[in-house]
Protein backbone atom coordinates (compact mmCIF):
# COMPACT_ATOMS: atom_id res chain seq x y z
CA MET A 1 -121.69 151.07 -5.99
CA LYS A 2 -118.57 149.34 -7.31
CA ARG A 3 -117.34 152.61 -8.84
CA LEU A 4 -117.91 154.41 -5.53
CA VAL A 5 -115.83 151.87 -3.62
CA GLU A 6 -113.06 152.02 -6.25
CA LEU A 7 -112.98 155.82 -5.98
CA LEU A 8 -112.90 155.74 -2.16
CA VAL A 9 -110.03 153.24 -2.17
CA GLU A 10 -108.17 155.18 -4.88
CA LYS A 11 -108.44 158.43 -2.89
CA LYS A 12 -107.80 156.67 0.44
CA LEU A 13 -111.05 157.90 1.96
CA SER A 14 -113.11 156.20 4.64
CA ILE A 15 -116.92 156.16 4.67
CA SER A 16 -119.67 155.56 7.20
CA THR A 17 -123.44 155.59 6.81
CA CYS A 18 -126.41 156.59 8.92
CA GLU A 19 -129.78 155.44 7.67
CA SER A 20 -133.40 155.75 8.62
CA PHE A 21 -135.97 155.24 5.84
CA THR A 22 -133.51 153.24 3.70
CA ALA A 23 -133.20 150.81 6.63
CA GLY A 24 -129.58 149.90 5.94
CA LEU A 25 -129.94 149.36 2.19
CA PHE A 26 -127.05 151.69 1.34
CA ALA A 27 -124.81 149.90 3.86
CA TYR A 28 -125.93 146.51 2.52
CA GLU A 29 -125.14 147.47 -1.08
CA LEU A 30 -121.79 148.94 -0.02
CA GLY A 31 -120.91 145.80 1.94
CA LYS A 32 -121.51 143.57 -1.10
CA ILE A 33 -118.52 145.04 -2.95
CA PRO A 34 -115.24 143.06 -2.68
CA GLY A 35 -112.48 145.16 -1.12
CA VAL A 36 -114.86 147.52 0.69
CA SER A 37 -113.21 146.75 4.02
CA ALA A 38 -110.36 149.05 2.95
CA THR A 39 -112.72 152.02 3.15
CA TYR A 40 -115.98 151.18 4.96
CA LYS A 41 -115.96 151.90 8.70
CA GLY A 42 -119.53 151.11 9.73
CA SER A 43 -123.14 152.14 9.90
CA VAL A 44 -125.96 153.11 12.21
CA ILE A 45 -129.54 152.30 11.30
CA ALA A 46 -131.60 154.68 13.40
CA TYR A 47 -135.13 153.96 12.26
CA GLN A 48 -137.14 155.17 15.25
CA SER A 49 -136.91 158.61 16.87
CA GLU A 50 -135.92 157.01 20.17
CA VAL A 51 -132.83 155.51 18.52
CA LYS A 52 -131.99 158.83 16.89
CA HIS A 53 -132.00 160.25 20.42
CA THR A 54 -130.37 157.44 22.44
CA VAL A 55 -127.74 156.31 19.93
CA LEU A 56 -127.07 159.49 17.95
CA GLY A 57 -127.76 161.95 20.76
CA ILE A 58 -130.23 164.05 18.78
CA ASP A 59 -132.26 166.10 21.25
CA PRO A 60 -135.96 165.12 21.29
CA MET A 61 -136.87 168.82 21.16
CA PHE A 62 -134.83 169.12 17.95
CA LEU A 63 -136.72 166.14 16.52
CA ASP A 64 -140.03 167.69 17.58
CA THR A 65 -139.10 171.07 16.10
CA TYR A 66 -137.98 169.88 12.66
CA GLY A 67 -139.49 166.40 12.46
CA VAL A 68 -137.58 163.23 11.70
CA VAL A 69 -138.24 163.79 8.01
CA SER A 70 -136.16 166.94 7.59
CA ARG A 71 -132.91 168.33 6.25
CA GLU A 72 -131.93 169.31 9.78
CA VAL A 73 -132.21 165.75 11.08
CA ALA A 74 -130.34 164.36 8.06
CA ASP A 75 -127.58 166.88 8.84
CA GLN A 76 -127.38 165.85 12.50
CA MET A 77 -127.36 162.17 11.59
CA ALA A 78 -124.44 162.61 9.18
CA LYS A 79 -122.46 164.86 11.50
CA THR A 80 -122.85 162.57 14.51
CA CYS A 81 -122.12 159.37 12.61
CA GLN A 82 -119.08 160.87 10.87
CA SER A 83 -117.69 161.75 14.29
CA MET A 84 -118.68 158.40 15.81
CA PHE A 85 -116.77 156.45 13.14
CA ALA A 86 -114.04 159.05 12.53
CA SER A 87 -114.70 158.72 8.80
CA ASP A 88 -113.75 161.10 6.02
CA ILE A 89 -117.24 160.78 4.53
CA CYS A 90 -120.65 160.05 5.97
CA ILE A 91 -123.93 159.75 4.13
CA SER A 92 -127.28 159.91 5.92
CA PHE A 93 -130.84 159.25 4.79
CA THR A 94 -134.18 160.14 6.35
CA GLY A 95 -137.58 160.30 4.73
CA ASN A 96 -141.13 159.09 4.40
CA ALA A 97 -141.36 155.88 2.38
CA GLY A 98 -145.08 155.57 3.13
CA PRO A 99 -147.66 154.26 3.19
CA SER A 100 -149.15 157.45 4.70
CA VAL A 101 -148.38 161.07 5.49
CA LEU A 102 -145.89 161.42 8.37
CA GLU A 103 -145.55 164.63 10.40
CA GLY A 104 -147.63 166.32 7.71
CA LYS A 105 -145.02 165.34 5.11
CA ALA A 106 -145.99 163.48 1.96
CA CYS A 107 -144.94 159.97 1.06
CA GLY A 108 -141.87 160.07 -1.14
CA LEU A 109 -140.25 163.05 0.58
CA TRP A 110 -136.68 162.24 1.57
CA PHE A 111 -133.48 163.97 2.59
CA ALA A 112 -129.86 162.97 2.41
CA CYS A 113 -126.76 164.63 3.77
CA MET A 114 -123.21 163.92 2.74
CA ARG A 115 -120.35 165.14 4.88
CA TYR A 116 -116.94 165.17 3.21
CA ARG A 117 -114.46 166.01 5.94
CA ASP A 118 -115.75 169.44 7.08
CA GLN A 119 -117.91 170.16 4.04
CA GLN A 120 -121.60 169.39 3.96
CA PHE A 121 -123.88 168.69 1.01
CA ASP A 122 -127.65 168.61 1.56
CA PHE A 123 -130.22 167.02 -0.73
CA GLU A 124 -134.02 167.05 -0.77
CA PHE A 125 -136.20 164.94 -3.06
CA GLN A 126 -139.88 164.31 -3.62
CA ASP A 127 -140.52 161.12 -5.59
CA SER A 128 -143.69 159.23 -6.36
CA LEU A 129 -142.53 155.64 -6.05
CA GLU A 130 -143.76 152.78 -3.92
CA ARG A 131 -141.84 152.09 -0.71
CA ASN A 132 -139.24 149.55 -1.86
CA ALA A 133 -138.65 151.27 -5.20
CA LEU A 134 -138.17 154.58 -3.35
CA GLN A 135 -135.52 153.08 -1.07
CA VAL A 136 -133.63 151.59 -4.03
CA HIS A 137 -133.94 154.88 -5.94
CA ALA A 138 -132.57 156.85 -2.96
CA VAL A 139 -129.53 154.57 -2.69
CA GLN A 140 -128.85 154.75 -6.43
CA THR A 141 -129.33 158.52 -6.54
CA MET A 142 -126.96 159.18 -3.67
CA THR A 143 -124.38 156.69 -4.93
CA SER A 144 -124.24 158.68 -8.16
CA LYS A 145 -124.06 162.02 -6.33
CA LEU A 146 -121.30 160.74 -4.03
CA ILE A 147 -119.25 159.62 -7.02
CA ASP A 148 -119.61 163.04 -8.65
CA ILE A 149 -118.67 164.93 -5.49
CA ILE A 150 -115.74 162.72 -4.49
CA ARG A 151 -114.34 162.57 -8.02
CA ASP A 152 -114.21 166.38 -8.16
CA MET A 153 -112.69 166.89 -4.70
CA PRO A 154 -108.96 167.34 -4.23
CA ASN A 155 -107.31 164.71 -2.02
């Protein structure tokens, strides 16, 4: 996470986060890094569908159509939160950390979306880890992917 913050500061990029199944873990890890206030704008933790609707404005029919555990919802979460915070980058997470099948989707299925200005990067993973390990793994995985994407982008 430290390398991500250094890269964001170096490139003068702002970041926001929108989390569901990670329950704010990415934001927490980001906030632990000294100097992050130069880049970090804020976060929304939208755990329940009602919050995804009332705070993020995601239409309940959209949620019903795709399910909260979907690429489409991760995309909407990132797009809305990026706009809400006027950030250069937004990362979103949604998934099923268990303990049981949700919307017919297996435990360990998760999606992330990264928006870098007007570009969008979608990710889908299926991991067989217990709940807390899965959340930590998701944060670590996307931290690494963000570093790779941001490092290779022109300013």
